[in-house]
Amino acid sequence: MGGCSAPNCSNSTSIGKQLFRFPKDPVRKKKWVMNCRRDFEPTPHSRLCQVSYRRRWARCWCCFF
């Protein structure tokens, strides 16, 4: 069972949280990583939970598209 890639987040599907894959598009993926505030290269298995996703993109709608 995977967990959230956001810093200081331990949410996972095992506690009922939805996880989102990082985009395959390199431009969108870069925006996600920058908003994640973590210096890493996401793997195909990297995910963000629904809580971190909302928290990090509430102010940045351009990252959805």
Protein backbone atom coordinates (compact mmCIF):
# COMPACT_ATOMS: atom_id res chain seq x y z
CA MET A 1 0.00 0.00 0.00
CA GLY A 2 1.48 3.34 -1.03
CA GLY A 3 1.34 6.60 0.83
CA CYS A 4 1.40 10.31 0.16
CA SER A 5 4.62 11.87 -1.16
CA ALA A 6 3.99 15.26 0.46
CA PRO A 7 6.33 16.25 3.29
CA ASN A 8 5.08 15.36 6.78
CA CYS A 9 2.06 13.48 5.42
CA SER A 10 1.39 9.86 6.29
CA ASN A 11 -2.01 9.49 4.62
CA SER A 12 -2.63 6.36 2.57
CA THR A 13 -5.44 4.34 1.07
CA SER A 14 -5.33 2.05 4.10
CA ILE A 15 -6.90 4.84 6.17
CA GLY A 16 -9.42 5.71 3.46
CA LYS A 17 -7.67 8.59 1.70
CA GLN A 18 -7.68 8.89 -2.08
CA LEU A 19 -4.27 9.14 -3.77
CA PHE A 20 -3.54 10.94 -7.06
CA ARG A 21 -0.76 10.09 -9.52
CA PHE A 22 1.66 12.77 -10.66
CA PRO A 23 0.93 13.89 -14.24
CA LYS A 24 2.89 12.32 -17.09
CA ASP A 25 3.13 15.66 -18.87
CA PRO A 26 6.58 17.06 -17.89
CA VAL A 27 5.38 20.68 -17.53
CA ARG A 28 2.47 19.76 -15.25
CA LYS A 29 4.60 17.28 -13.31
CA LYS A 30 7.20 20.00 -12.64
CA LYS A 31 4.47 22.32 -11.29
CA TRP A 32 3.23 19.56 -8.98
CA VAL A 33 6.74 18.90 -7.66
CA MET A 34 7.34 22.63 -7.08
CA ASN A 35 4.03 22.96 -5.21
CA CYS A 36 4.83 19.85 -3.24
CA ARG A 37 7.79 21.78 -1.78
CA ARG A 38 10.00 18.75 -1.90
CA ASP A 39 13.14 18.21 -3.96
CA PHE A 40 12.54 14.84 -5.60
CA GLU A 41 11.79 13.16 -8.92
CA PRO A 42 8.43 11.38 -8.69
CA THR A 43 8.39 7.77 -9.81
CA PRO A 44 5.39 6.13 -11.51
CA HIS A 45 4.43 4.99 -7.99
CA SER A 46 4.53 8.47 -6.37
CA ARG A 47 1.18 9.84 -5.19
CA LEU A 48 -0.38 12.80 -3.38
CA CYS A 49 -3.32 12.25 -1.04
CA GLN A 50 -6.57 14.15 -1.36
CA VAL A 51 -5.73 16.31 1.68
CA SER A 52 -2.29 17.38 0.44
CA TYR A 53 -3.63 17.87 -3.09
CA ARG A 54 -6.30 20.32 -1.91
CA ARG A 55 -4.02 22.10 0.55
CA ARG A 56 -1.24 22.67 -1.99
CA TRP A 57 -3.42 23.68 -4.95
CA ALA A 58 -6.14 25.71 -3.30
CA ARG A 59 -4.28 28.86 -4.40
CA CYS A 60 -2.88 27.57 -7.70
CA TRP A 61 -5.59 26.60 -10.18
CA CYS A 62 -3.12 26.76 -13.09
CA CYS A 63 -1.63 23.47 -11.87
CA PHE A 64 -4.79 21.53 -12.65
CA PHE A 65 -4.62 22.18 -16.38
